[in-house]
Amino acid sequence: MADTLTQDTKKADVQKADLRCISKADVDRFLFGKHLTSCPVCGRFRSQCDVDVHTLSCQRAAGEDCSPNAPINVLMIVCQNCGGIQFHDRSVIAQWLECQRVGHVR
């Protein structure tokens, strides 16, 4: 019973973090925090070029482990220098940001 409550609480925390608005500054913190400091296409350091951030919602392909209608929210990050595009799962970034916030509060 306690395990179920813990899992439900964790799912609720992830969903709450996923609903949080993610700003461009948050995306920059995530990229630098994960040591993604340069564009994978042109190699220019993030400090020398800017990025555009767009939120997209799409559906996963049907598979063994997920239903065919399971939506996924992604952030599309576009390098303004070369136009290179990266996609990141929004819930992963939101969870990472939430962990950073909780770490600083303690």
N, C-alpha and C. Protein backbone atom coordinates (compact mmCIF):
# COMPACT_ATOMS: atom_id res chain seq x y z
N MET A 1 0.82 -1.19 0.00
CA MET A 1 0.00 0.00 0.00
C MET A 1 0.87 1.27 0.00
N ALA A 2 1.90 1.26 0.83
CA ALA A 2 2.79 2.43 0.89
C ALA A 2 3.53 2.62 -0.43
N ASP A 3 3.92 1.49 -1.08
CA ASP A 3 4.59 1.58 -2.38
C ASP A 3 3.70 2.25 -3.42
N THR A 4 2.42 1.91 -3.41
CA THR A 4 1.48 2.49 -4.36
C THR A 4 1.34 3.98 -4.12
N LEU A 5 1.27 4.39 -2.86
CA LEU A 5 1.17 5.81 -2.54
C LEU A 5 2.41 6.56 -2.98
N THR A 6 3.58 5.97 -2.76
CA THR A 6 4.83 6.59 -3.17
C THR A 6 4.89 6.75 -4.68
N GLN A 7 4.50 5.71 -5.42
CA GLN A 7 4.50 5.78 -6.88
C GLN A 7 3.51 6.82 -7.38
N ASP A 8 2.31 6.87 -6.78
CA ASP A 8 1.32 7.86 -7.18
C ASP A 8 1.81 9.28 -6.89
N THR A 9 2.47 9.46 -5.75
CA THR A 9 3.02 10.77 -5.40
C THR A 9 4.09 11.18 -6.40
N LYS A 10 4.98 10.26 -6.77
CA LYS A 10 6.03 10.56 -7.74
C LYS A 10 5.42 10.93 -9.09
N LYS A 11 4.40 10.18 -9.53
CA LYS A 11 3.73 10.49 -10.81
C LYS A 11 3.10 11.86 -10.76
N ALA A 12 2.46 12.20 -9.65
CA ALA A 12 1.83 13.52 -9.50
C ALA A 12 2.88 14.62 -9.53
N ASP A 13 4.03 14.40 -8.89
CA ASP A 13 5.11 15.39 -8.91
C ASP A 13 5.65 15.60 -10.31
N VAL A 14 5.81 14.51 -11.07
CA VAL A 14 6.29 14.62 -12.45
C VAL A 14 5.27 15.36 -13.30
N GLN A 15 3.98 15.06 -13.14
CA GLN A 15 2.95 15.74 -13.91
C GLN A 15 2.90 17.22 -13.55
N LYS A 16 3.05 17.54 -12.27
CA LYS A 16 3.05 18.93 -11.84
C LYS A 16 4.24 19.67 -12.44
N ALA A 17 5.40 19.03 -12.43
CA ALA A 17 6.60 19.64 -13.01
C ALA A 17 6.44 19.80 -14.51
N ASP A 18 5.76 18.84 -15.16
CA ASP A 18 5.57 18.91 -16.60
C ASP A 18 4.65 20.05 -17.00
N LEU A 19 3.71 20.42 -16.13
CA LEU A 19 2.79 21.51 -16.43
C LEU A 19 3.44 22.87 -16.25
N ARG A 20 4.53 22.91 -15.53
CA ARG A 20 5.24 24.15 -15.27
C ARG A 20 5.74 24.76 -16.58
N CYS A 21 5.63 26.05 -16.69
CA CYS A 21 6.12 26.74 -17.88
C CYS A 21 7.65 26.66 -17.90
N ILE A 22 8.20 26.25 -19.02
CA ILE A 22 9.65 26.16 -19.15
C ILE A 22 10.13 27.31 -20.03
N SER A 23 10.92 28.18 -19.45
CA SER A 23 11.41 29.36 -20.17
C SER A 23 12.69 29.04 -20.93
N LYS A 24 13.09 29.99 -21.76
CA LYS A 24 14.34 29.83 -22.50
C LYS A 24 15.52 29.75 -21.53
N ALA A 25 15.47 30.52 -20.46
CA ALA A 25 16.53 30.47 -19.45
C ALA A 25 16.60 29.09 -18.80
N ASP A 26 15.43 28.47 -18.56
CA ASP A 26 15.39 27.11 -18.01
C ASP A 26 16.03 26.12 -18.97
N VAL A 27 15.75 26.27 -20.26
CA VAL A 27 16.34 25.38 -21.27
C VAL A 27 17.85 25.55 -21.28
N ASP A 28 18.32 26.79 -21.22
CA ASP A 28 19.77 27.04 -21.17
C ASP A 28 20.39 26.39 -19.94
N ARG A 29 19.74 26.52 -18.78
CA ARG A 29 20.24 25.87 -17.55
C ARG A 29 20.32 24.37 -17.73
N PHE A 30 19.28 23.78 -18.34
CA PHE A 30 19.26 22.33 -18.57
C PHE A 30 20.41 21.92 -19.49
N LEU A 31 20.57 22.62 -20.61
CA LEU A 31 21.62 22.26 -21.56
C LEU A 31 23.01 22.38 -20.94
N PHE A 32 23.27 23.48 -20.23
CA PHE A 32 24.57 23.64 -19.59
C PHE A 32 24.74 22.65 -18.44
N GLY A 33 23.66 22.38 -17.72
CA GLY A 33 23.73 21.42 -16.62
C GLY A 33 24.04 20.01 -17.09
N LYS A 34 23.61 19.69 -18.30
CA LYS A 34 23.88 18.37 -18.89
C LYS A 34 25.12 18.40 -19.78
N HIS A 35 25.86 19.50 -19.73
CA HIS A 35 27.11 19.68 -20.48
C HIS A 35 26.89 19.62 -21.99
N LEU A 36 25.72 20.07 -22.44
CA LEU A 36 25.43 20.19 -23.86
C LEU A 36 25.71 21.64 -24.23
N THR A 37 27.00 21.97 -24.31
CA THR A 37 27.41 23.37 -24.41
C THR A 37 27.64 23.85 -25.83
N SER A 38 27.48 22.99 -26.81
CA SER A 38 27.66 23.45 -28.19
C SER A 38 26.59 22.83 -29.08
N CYS A 39 26.35 23.48 -30.19
CA CYS A 39 25.39 22.98 -31.17
C CYS A 39 25.95 21.69 -31.77
N PRO A 40 25.16 20.61 -31.84
CA PRO A 40 25.67 19.36 -32.39
C PRO A 40 25.91 19.42 -33.90
N VAL A 41 25.36 20.44 -34.57
CA VAL A 41 25.52 20.54 -36.02
C VAL A 41 26.71 21.41 -36.39
N CYS A 42 26.72 22.67 -35.92
CA CYS A 42 27.79 23.59 -36.33
C CYS A 42 28.93 23.65 -35.32
N GLY A 43 28.72 23.15 -34.10
CA GLY A 43 29.78 23.13 -33.10
C GLY A 43 29.99 24.43 -32.37
N ARG A 44 29.24 25.44 -32.71
CA ARG A 44 29.42 26.74 -32.05
C ARG A 44 28.93 26.65 -30.60
N PHE A 45 29.71 27.22 -29.70
CA PHE A 45 29.35 27.20 -28.28
C PHE A 45 28.06 27.99 -28.05
N ARG A 46 27.25 27.52 -27.13
CA ARG A 46 25.96 28.15 -26.84
C ARG A 46 26.14 29.61 -26.40
N SER A 47 27.26 29.92 -25.78
CA SER A 47 27.48 31.30 -25.33
C SER A 47 27.71 32.24 -26.51
N GLN A 48 28.03 31.68 -27.68
CA GLN A 48 28.30 32.51 -28.85
C GLN A 48 27.14 32.52 -29.85
N CYS A 49 26.11 31.75 -29.60
CA CYS A 49 24.94 31.78 -30.47
C CYS A 49 23.69 31.56 -29.63
N ASP A 50 22.60 32.02 -30.13
CA ASP A 50 21.36 31.93 -29.40
C ASP A 50 20.53 30.77 -29.93
N VAL A 51 19.54 30.36 -29.18
CA VAL A 51 18.64 29.30 -29.62
C VAL A 51 17.20 29.80 -29.51
N ASP A 52 16.34 29.27 -30.36
CA ASP A 52 14.90 29.48 -30.26
C ASP A 52 14.32 28.21 -29.65
N VAL A 53 13.33 28.37 -28.79
CA VAL A 53 12.70 27.23 -28.14
C VAL A 53 11.22 27.23 -28.49
N HIS A 54 10.74 26.08 -28.98
CA HIS A 54 9.34 25.93 -29.35
C HIS A 54 8.78 24.69 -28.67
N THR A 55 7.54 24.76 -28.19
CA THR A 55 6.89 23.62 -27.57
C THR A 55 6.02 22.93 -28.60
N LEU A 56 6.16 21.62 -28.71
CA LEU A 56 5.37 20.83 -29.64
C LEU A 56 4.71 19.69 -28.88
N SER A 57 3.58 19.26 -29.37
CA SER A 57 2.93 18.07 -28.83
C SER A 57 2.68 17.12 -29.99
N CYS A 58 3.08 15.89 -29.82
CA CYS A 58 2.92 14.90 -30.88
C CYS A 58 2.53 13.57 -30.26
N GLN A 59 2.32 12.57 -31.10
CA GLN A 59 1.94 11.26 -30.59
C GLN A 59 3.05 10.27 -30.86
N ARG A 60 3.25 9.37 -29.90
CA ARG A 60 4.24 8.31 -30.05
C ARG A 60 3.71 7.27 -31.03
N ALA A 61 4.61 6.61 -31.67
CA ALA A 61 4.23 5.49 -32.52
C ALA A 61 3.76 4.35 -31.63
N ALA A 62 2.84 3.55 -32.13
CA ALA A 62 2.35 2.41 -31.36
C ALA A 62 3.50 1.44 -31.13
N GLY A 63 3.57 0.91 -29.94
CA GLY A 63 4.64 -0.03 -29.61
C GLY A 63 4.19 -0.97 -28.52
N GLU A 64 5.09 -1.84 -28.13
CA GLU A 64 4.77 -2.83 -27.10
C GLU A 64 4.49 -2.17 -25.75
N ASP A 65 5.25 -1.13 -25.42
CA ASP A 65 5.17 -0.57 -24.07
C ASP A 65 4.30 0.67 -23.94
N CYS A 66 3.71 1.15 -25.03
CA CYS A 66 2.86 2.34 -24.91
C CYS A 66 1.65 2.21 -25.83
N SER A 67 0.60 2.89 -25.44
CA SER A 67 -0.61 2.86 -26.26
C SER A 67 -0.38 3.73 -27.50
N PRO A 68 -1.13 3.48 -28.57
CA PRO A 68 -0.91 4.23 -29.81
C PRO A 68 -1.27 5.72 -29.69
N ASN A 69 -2.05 6.10 -28.71
CA ASN A 69 -2.49 7.49 -28.58
C ASN A 69 -1.79 8.25 -27.46
N ALA A 70 -0.68 7.74 -26.98
CA ALA A 70 0.03 8.39 -25.88
C ALA A 70 0.74 9.64 -26.41
N PRO A 71 0.28 10.84 -26.01
CA PRO A 71 0.94 12.06 -26.49
C PRO A 71 2.26 12.29 -25.76
N ILE A 72 3.15 12.98 -26.43
CA ILE A 72 4.42 13.36 -25.82
C ILE A 72 4.64 14.84 -26.11
N ASN A 73 5.05 15.58 -25.10
CA ASN A 73 5.34 17.00 -25.26
C ASN A 73 6.84 17.15 -25.39
N VAL A 74 7.26 17.82 -26.44
CA VAL A 74 8.69 18.00 -26.67
C VAL A 74 9.01 19.48 -26.82
N LEU A 75 10.25 19.80 -26.56
CA LEU A 75 10.76 21.13 -26.84
C LEU A 75 11.67 21.02 -28.06
N MET A 76 11.42 21.84 -29.05
CA MET A 76 12.26 21.89 -30.25
C MET A 76 13.20 23.07 -30.05
N ILE A 77 14.49 22.78 -30.03
CA ILE A 77 15.51 23.80 -29.82
C ILE A 77 16.24 24.02 -31.13
N VAL A 78 16.19 25.26 -31.63
CA VAL A 78 16.75 25.59 -32.93
C VAL A 78 17.93 26.53 -32.76
N CYS A 79 19.08 26.14 -33.30
CA CYS A 79 20.27 26.99 -33.28
C CYS A 79 20.07 28.15 -34.26
N GLN A 80 20.23 29.37 -33.78
CA GLN A 80 20.06 30.53 -34.66
C GLN A 80 21.26 30.72 -35.59
N ASN A 81 22.37 30.06 -35.31
CA ASN A 81 23.54 30.18 -36.17
C ASN A 81 23.38 29.35 -37.45
N CYS A 82 23.00 28.06 -37.30
CA CYS A 82 22.96 27.18 -38.45
C CYS A 82 21.58 26.59 -38.74
N GLY A 83 20.63 26.77 -37.81
CA GLY A 83 19.30 26.20 -38.01
C GLY A 83 19.18 24.76 -37.57
N GLY A 84 20.23 24.22 -36.94
CA GLY A 84 20.18 22.84 -36.46
C GLY A 84 19.09 22.67 -35.41
N ILE A 85 18.40 21.53 -35.45
CA ILE A 85 17.26 21.30 -34.57
C ILE A 85 17.55 20.13 -33.64
N GLN A 86 17.22 20.31 -32.37
CA GLN A 86 17.28 19.25 -31.37
C GLN A 86 15.89 19.12 -30.77
N PHE A 87 15.51 17.89 -30.42
CA PHE A 87 14.26 17.66 -29.72
C PHE A 87 14.57 17.07 -28.36
N HIS A 88 13.91 17.60 -27.32
CA HIS A 88 14.07 17.09 -25.97
C HIS A 88 12.69 16.87 -25.37
N ASP A 89 12.52 15.76 -24.68
CA ASP A 89 11.26 15.46 -24.01
C ASP A 89 11.04 16.50 -22.91
N ARG A 90 9.93 17.20 -23.00
CA ARG A 90 9.64 18.28 -22.06
C ARG A 90 9.56 17.77 -20.62
N SER A 91 9.03 16.58 -20.42
CA SER A 91 8.90 16.06 -19.06
C SER A 91 10.26 15.76 -18.44
N VAL A 92 11.24 15.38 -19.25
CA VAL A 92 12.59 15.13 -18.74
C VAL A 92 13.21 16.44 -18.26
N ILE A 93 13.06 17.50 -19.07
CA ILE A 93 13.60 18.80 -18.68
C ILE A 93 12.89 19.32 -17.44
N ALA A 94 11.57 19.19 -17.40
CA ALA A 94 10.80 19.66 -16.25
C ALA A 94 11.20 18.91 -14.97
N GLN A 95 11.40 17.60 -15.10
CA GLN A 95 11.80 16.82 -13.93
C GLN A 95 13.20 17.22 -13.47
N TRP A 96 14.12 17.44 -14.40
CA TRP A 96 15.47 17.86 -14.05
C TRP A 96 15.43 19.22 -13.34
N LEU A 97 14.64 20.15 -13.88
CA LEU A 97 14.52 21.47 -13.26
C LEU A 97 13.93 21.37 -11.86
N GLU A 98 12.93 20.50 -11.69
CA GLU A 98 12.32 20.31 -10.38
C GLU A 98 13.33 19.74 -9.38
N CYS A 99 14.14 18.79 -9.84
CA CYS A 99 15.18 18.23 -8.96
C CYS A 99 16.20 19.30 -8.56
N GLN A 100 16.54 20.18 -9.49
CA GLN A 100 17.48 21.26 -9.18
C GLN A 100 16.86 22.21 -8.17
N ARG A 101 15.57 22.51 -8.33
CA ARG A 101 14.88 23.42 -7.42
C ARG A 101 14.81 22.80 -6.02
N VAL A 102 14.46 21.55 -5.94
CA VAL A 102 14.36 20.85 -4.65
C VAL A 102 15.74 20.77 -3.99
N GLY A 103 16.77 20.55 -4.77
CA GLY A 103 18.14 20.48 -4.25
C GLY A 103 18.59 21.79 -3.65
N HIS A 104 18.16 22.91 -4.23
CA HIS A 104 18.56 24.22 -3.71
C HIS A 104 17.75 24.62 -2.48
N VAL A 105 16.54 24.10 -2.36
CA VAL A 105 15.69 24.45 -1.22
C VAL A 105 16.19 23.79 0.05
N ARG A 106 16.66 22.55 -0.06
CA ARG A 106 17.11 21.79 1.12
C ARG A 106 18.32 22.36 1.70
